[in-house]
C-alpha atoms as a PDB file:
ATOM      1  CA  UNK A   1     -65.276  12.573  23.297  1.00  0.00           C
ATOM      2  CA  UNK A   2     -67.121   9.297  22.688  1.00  0.00           C
ATOM      3  CA  UNK A   3     -66.197   6.342  24.857  1.00  0.00           C
ATOM      4  CA  UNK A   4     -65.250   4.326  21.773  1.00  0.00           C
ATOM      5  CA  UNK A   5     -62.731   7.065  20.897  1.00  0.00           C
ATOM      6  CA  UNK A   6     -61.247   6.771  24.362  1.00  0.00           C
ATOM      7  CA  UNK A   7     -60.922   3.051  24.012  1.00  0.00           C
ATOM      8  CA  UNK A   8     -59.356   3.402  20.600  1.00  0.00           C
ATOM      9  CA  UNK A   9     -56.774   5.716  22.133  1.00  0.00           C
ATOM     10  CA  UNK A  10     -56.087   3.143  24.821  1.00  0.00           C
ATOM     11  CA  UNK A  11     -55.682   0.448  22.190  1.00  0.00           C
ATOM     12  CA  UNK A  12     -53.371   2.637  20.187  1.00  0.00           C
ATOM     13  CA  UNK A  13     -51.337   3.275  23.300  1.00  0.00           C
ATOM     14  CA  UNK A  14     -50.965  -0.470  23.632  1.00  0.00           C
ATOM     15  CA  UNK A  15     -49.461  -0.560  20.183  1.00  0.00           C
ATOM     16  CA  UNK A  16     -47.155   2.245  21.013  1.00  0.00           C
ATOM     17  CA  UNK A  17     -45.945   0.487  24.097  1.00  0.00           C
ATOM     18  CA  UNK A  18     -45.233  -2.559  22.069  1.00  0.00           C
ATOM     19  CA  UNK A  19     -43.419  -0.807  19.310  1.00  0.00           C
ATOM     20  CA  UNK A  20     -41.343   1.199  21.723  1.00  0.00           C
ATOM     21  CA  UNK A  21     -39.135  -1.728  22.513  1.00  0.00           C
ATOM     22  CA  UNK A  22     -36.900  -1.589  19.450  1.00  0.00           C
ATOM     23  CA  UNK A  23     -33.637   0.358  19.611  1.00  0.00           C
ATOM     24  CA  UNK A  24     -30.854  -0.050  17.123  1.00  0.00           C
ATOM     25  CA  UNK A  25     -27.287  -0.834  17.729  1.00  0.00           C
ATOM     26  CA  UNK A  26     -25.847  -2.319  14.527  1.00  0.00           C
ATOM     27  CA  UNK A  27     -26.519  -1.155  10.984  1.00  0.00           C
ATOM     28  CA  UNK A  28     -29.360   1.021  12.242  1.00  0.00           C
ATOM     29  CA  UNK A  29     -27.194   3.639  13.867  1.00  0.00           C
ATOM     30  CA  UNK A  30     -25.079   4.181  16.970  1.00  0.00           C
ATOM     31  CA  UNK A  31     -25.250   2.010  20.044  1.00  0.00           C
ATOM     32  CA  UNK A  32     -28.664   2.365  21.634  1.00  0.00           C
ATOM     33  CA  UNK A  33     -29.440   3.360  25.211  1.00  0.00           C
ATOM     34  CA  UNK A  34     -32.144   0.732  25.767  1.00  0.00           C
ATOM     35  CA  UNK A  35     -34.932   3.308  25.735  1.00  0.00           C
ATOM     36  CA  UNK A  36     -38.081   3.829  23.721  1.00  0.00           C
ATOM     37  CA  UNK A  37     -40.430   6.738  23.012  1.00  0.00           C
ATOM     38  CA  UNK A  38     -44.036   6.245  21.962  1.00  0.00           C
ATOM     39  CA  UNK A  39     -46.762   8.315  20.303  1.00  0.00           C
ATOM     40  CA  UNK A  40     -50.361   7.501  19.457  1.00  0.00           C
ATOM     41  CA  UNK A  41     -53.015   9.762  18.001  1.00  0.00           C
ATOM     42  CA  UNK A  42     -56.629   8.571  17.969  1.00  0.00           C
ATOM     43  CA  UNK A  43     -59.822  10.566  17.490  1.00  0.00           C
ATOM     44  CA  UNK A  44     -58.176  13.833  18.415  1.00  0.00           C
ATOM     45  CA  UNK A  45     -56.407  12.533  21.538  1.00  0.00           C
ATOM     46  CA  UNK A  46     -52.666  12.001  21.703  1.00  0.00           C
ATOM     47  CA  UNK A  47     -50.835   9.761  24.176  1.00  0.00           C
ATOM     48  CA  UNK A  48     -47.047   9.959  24.469  1.00  0.00           C
ATOM     49  CA  UNK A  49     -44.101   8.940  26.628  1.00  0.00           C
ATOM     50  CA  UNK A  50     -40.343   9.245  26.375  1.00  0.00           C
ATOM     51  CA  UNK A  51     -37.308   7.317  27.588  1.00  0.00           C
ATOM     52  CA  UNK A  52     -39.023   4.139  28.759  1.00  0.00           C
ATOM     53  CA  UNK A  53     -36.530   1.413  29.678  1.00  0.00           C
ATOM     54  CA  UNK A  54     -36.063  -1.826  27.764  1.00  0.00           C
ATOM     55  CA  UNK A  55     -34.148  -4.914  28.890  1.00  0.00           C
ATOM     56  CA  UNK A  56     -31.954  -5.005  25.756  1.00  0.00           C
ATOM     57  CA  UNK A  57     -31.385  -3.353  22.400  1.00  0.00           C
ATOM     58  CA  UNK A  58     -32.988  -4.673  19.216  1.00  0.00           C
ATOM     59  CA  UNK A  59     -32.716  -6.966  17.456  1.00  0.00           C
ATOM     60  CA  UNK A  60     -32.242  -8.887  20.708  1.00  0.00           C
ATOM     61  CA  UNK A  61     -35.553  -9.979  22.238  1.00  0.00           C
ATOM     62  CA  UNK A  62     -36.461  -7.598  25.054  1.00  0.00           C
ATOM     63  CA  UNK A  63     -39.074  -6.508  27.575  1.00  0.00           C
ATOM     64  CA  UNK A  64     -40.459  -3.005  27.994  1.00  0.00           C
ATOM     65  CA  UNK A  65     -40.560  -1.829  31.620  1.00  0.00           C
ATOM     66  CA  UNK A  66     -44.056  -0.556  32.367  1.00  0.00           C
ATOM     67  CA  UNK A  67     -42.889   1.311  35.478  1.00  0.00           C
ATOM     68  CA  UNK A  68     -40.787   3.555  33.251  1.00  0.00           C
ATOM     69  CA  UNK A  69     -43.877   4.380  31.140  1.00  0.00           C
ATOM     70  CA  UNK A  70     -46.614   4.728  33.759  1.00  0.00           C
ATOM     71  CA  UNK A  71     -46.611   7.674  36.139  1.00  0.00           C
ATOM     72  CA  UNK A  72     -45.152   8.376  38.632  1.00  0.00           C
ATOM     73  CA  UNK A  73     -41.969   6.612  37.384  1.00  0.00           C
ATOM     74  CA  UNK A  74     -42.634   7.431  33.724  1.00  0.00           C
ATOM     75  CA  UNK A  75     -44.163  10.329  31.862  1.00  0.00           C
ATOM     76  CA  UNK A  76     -47.112   8.779  30.020  1.00  0.00           C
ATOM     77  CA  UNK A  77     -49.600  11.512  29.268  1.00  0.00           C
ATOM     78  CA  UNK A  78     -52.691  11.818  27.106  1.00  0.00           C
ATOM     79  CA  UNK A  79     -54.754  14.734  25.882  1.00  0.00           C
ATOM     80  CA  UNK A  80     -58.556  14.757  25.916  1.00  0.00           C
ATOM     81  CA  UNK A  81     -59.028  13.815  29.576  1.00  0.00           C
ATOM     82  CA  UNK A  82     -57.798  10.241  29.171  1.00  0.00           C
ATOM     83  CA  UNK A  83     -55.488   8.520  31.621  1.00  0.00           C
ATOM     84  CA  UNK A  84     -53.869   5.213  30.780  1.00  0.00           C
ATOM     85  CA  UNK A  85     -51.649   2.612  32.407  1.00  0.00           C
ATOM     86  CA  UNK A  86     -49.774  -0.341  30.969  1.00  0.00           C
ATOM     87  CA  UNK A  87     -50.505  -3.429  33.115  1.00  0.00           C
ATOM     88  CA  UNK A  88     -47.683  -5.693  31.901  1.00  0.00           C
ATOM     89  CA  UNK A  89     -44.096  -5.654  30.652  1.00  0.00           C
ATOM     90  CA  UNK A  90     -44.522  -6.599  26.989  1.00  0.00           C
ATOM     91  CA  UNK A  91     -41.980  -9.011  25.521  1.00  0.00           C
ATOM     92  CA  UNK A  92     -40.882  -7.962  22.047  1.00  0.00           C
ATOM     93  CA  UNK A  93     -39.083 -10.037  19.423  1.00  0.00           C
ATOM     94  CA  UNK A  94     -37.589  -8.791  16.169  1.00  0.00           C
ATOM     95  CA  UNK A  95     -37.282 -10.140  12.655  1.00  0.00           C
ATOM     96  CA  UNK A  96     -34.843  -7.766  10.979  1.00  0.00           C
ATOM     97  CA  UNK A  97     -34.967  -9.624   7.670  1.00  0.00           C
ATOM     98  CA  UNK A  98     -38.727  -8.981   7.498  1.00  0.00           C
ATOM     99  CA  UNK A  99     -38.439  -5.516   9.076  1.00  0.00           C
ATOM    100  CA  UNK A 100     -40.866  -6.370  11.861  1.00  0.00           C
ATOM    101  CA  UNK A 101     -41.269  -6.476  15.607  1.00  0.00           C
ATOM    102  CA  UNK A 102     -43.880  -8.463  17.537  1.00  0.00           C
ATOM    103  CA  UNK A 103     -45.192  -7.893  21.053  1.00  0.00           C
ATOM    104  CA  UNK A 104     -46.510 -10.984  22.802  1.00  0.00           C
ATOM    105  CA  UNK A 105     -49.198  -9.343  24.972  1.00  0.00           C
ATOM    106  CA  UNK A 106     -50.192  -5.745  25.572  1.00  0.00           C
ATOM    107  CA  UNK A 107     -52.465  -5.251  28.588  1.00  0.00           C
ATOM    108  CA  UNK A 108     -53.659  -1.701  29.208  1.00  0.00           C
ATOM    109  CA  UNK A 109     -56.291   0.153  31.192  1.00  0.00           C
ATOM    110  CA  UNK A 110     -57.724   3.457  30.060  1.00  0.00           C
ATOM    111  CA  UNK A 111     -59.934   5.758  32.113  1.00  0.00           C
ATOM    112  CA  UNK A 112     -62.053   8.684  31.020  1.00  0.00           C
ATOM    113  CA  UNK A 113     -64.897  10.385  32.875  1.00  0.00           C
ATOM    114  CA  UNK A 114     -64.357   7.909  35.721  1.00  0.00           C
ATOM    115  CA  UNK A 115     -64.994   4.895  33.477  1.00  0.00           C
ATOM    116  CA  UNK A 116     -62.188   2.339  33.294  1.00  0.00           C
ATOM    117  CA  UNK A 117     -61.785  -0.203  30.522  1.00  0.00           C
ATOM    118  CA  UNK A 118     -59.088  -2.872  30.376  1.00  0.00           C
ATOM    119  CA  UNK A 119     -58.005  -4.440  27.073  1.00  0.00           C
ATOM    120  CA  UNK A 120     -55.521  -7.046  25.891  1.00  0.00           C
ATOM    121  CA  UNK A 121     -54.023  -7.560  22.477  1.00  0.00           C
ATOM    122  CA  UNK A 122     -51.760 -10.475  21.565  1.00  0.00           C
ATOM    123  CA  UNK A 123     -49.092 -10.899  18.913  1.00  0.00           C
ATOM    124  CA  UNK A 124     -49.195  -7.264  17.835  1.00  0.00           C
ATOM    125  CA  UNK A 125     -47.111  -6.733  14.677  1.00  0.00           C
ATOM    126  CA  UNK A 126     -45.206  -3.558  13.880  1.00  0.00           C
ATOM    127  CA  UNK A 127     -43.306  -2.635  10.745  1.00  0.00           C
ATOM    128  CA  UNK A 128     -39.909  -0.973  10.831  1.00  0.00           C
ATOM    129  CA  UNK A 129     -39.784   2.443   9.195  1.00  0.00           C
ATOM    130  CA  UNK A 130     -36.982   2.273   6.627  1.00  0.00           C
ATOM    131  CA  UNK A 131     -33.583   1.605   8.200  1.00  0.00           C
ATOM    132  CA  UNK A 132     -34.438   3.231  11.542  1.00  0.00           C
ATOM    133  CA  UNK A 133     -35.625   1.608  14.770  1.00  0.00           C
ATOM    134  CA  UNK A 134     -38.947   3.388  14.500  1.00  0.00           C
ATOM    135  CA  UNK A 135     -41.808   0.897  14.274  1.00  0.00           C
ATOM    136  CA  UNK A 136     -45.367   1.546  13.149  1.00  0.00           C
ATOM    137  CA  UNK A 137     -48.275  -0.726  13.989  1.00  0.00           C
ATOM    138  CA  UNK A 138     -50.245  -2.989  11.700  1.00  0.00           C
ATOM    139  CA  UNK A 139     -54.015  -2.957  12.314  1.00  0.00           C
ATOM    140  CA  UNK A 140     -55.034  -5.016  15.348  1.00  0.00           C
ATOM    141  CA  UNK A 141     -57.947  -5.648  17.675  1.00  0.00           C
ATOM    142  CA  UNK A 142     -57.781  -5.595  21.474  1.00  0.00           C
ATOM    143  CA  UNK A 143     -60.386  -7.488  23.506  1.00  0.00           C
ATOM    144  CA  UNK A 144     -61.989  -6.154  26.684  1.00  0.00           C
ATOM    145  CA  UNK A 145     -60.923  -8.125  29.755  1.00  0.00           C
ATOM    146  CA  UNK A 146     -62.689  -6.012  32.384  1.00  0.00           C
ATOM    147  CA  UNK A 147     -64.439  -2.715  32.941  1.00  0.00           C
ATOM    148  CA  UNK A 148     -67.740  -0.968  32.762  1.00  0.00           C
ATOM    149  CA  UNK A 149     -70.625  -2.205  30.653  1.00  0.00           C
ATOM    150  CA  UNK A 150     -70.124   1.048  28.759  1.00  0.00           C
ATOM    151  CA  UNK A 151     -66.814  -0.261  27.398  1.00  0.00           C
ATOM    152  CA  UNK A 152     -67.024  -1.903  23.971  1.00  0.00           C
ATOM    153  CA  UNK A 153     -66.195  -5.620  23.858  1.00  0.00           C
ATOM    154  CA  UNK A 154     -63.256  -4.911  21.571  1.00  0.00           C
ATOM    155  CA  UNK A 155     -61.526  -2.019  19.861  1.00  0.00           C
ATOM    156  CA  UNK A 156     -59.586  -1.954  16.622  1.00  0.00           C
ATOM    157  CA  UNK A 157     -56.616   0.254  15.891  1.00  0.00           C
ATOM    158  CA  UNK A 158     -55.937   1.108  12.274  1.00  0.00           C
ATOM    159  CA  UNK A 159     -52.518   0.575  10.730  1.00  0.00           C
ATOM    160  CA  UNK A 160     -50.221   3.529  11.330  1.00  0.00           C
ATOM    161  CA  UNK A 161     -52.115   4.735  14.403  1.00  0.00           C
ATOM    162  CA  UNK A 162     -49.076   4.429  16.651  1.00  0.00           C
ATOM    163  CA  UNK A 163     -45.308   4.527  16.489  1.00  0.00           C
ATOM    164  CA  UNK A 164     -42.383   3.660  18.712  1.00  0.00           C
ATOM    165  CA  UNK A 165     -38.843   4.857  18.439  1.00  0.00           C
ATOM    166  CA  UNK A 166     -36.079   2.901  20.134  1.00  0.00           C
ATOM    167  CA  UNK A 167     -32.917   4.795  20.989  1.00  0.00           C
END
């Protein structure tokens, strides 16, 4: 797998982490459990986690707990030899009238073949899928903050490359 594919997967994971903060309580279904699942598929690699903790239920502003995503406390796993870790607890706000969620900062490190690359994306927008609390990313670019010279300076994730389901 090309290093740029790895980094794209990492970026997509960032989106997934962000989107995963939205669980419904009101018109979007039964009372939520303040948890989120995430999936991202990029260049043949898939990263997923389930049951990450959030500080509240949407549409209340909330934070996603990185320790409940990252191993050993969480179950974040990727195919294709990639490992990833979320470096922050993203704060997520919701605009139900617009059907959107926004994560303030997503800071993630991805490693493949012993090469680590750290990226940050800010103000990542996600669109709600119908009347559910599933959110799908809009296209965004994450900028490299540290890592090997082999890491690209930035990576872009296409719209729809990640989803989060709050429950």
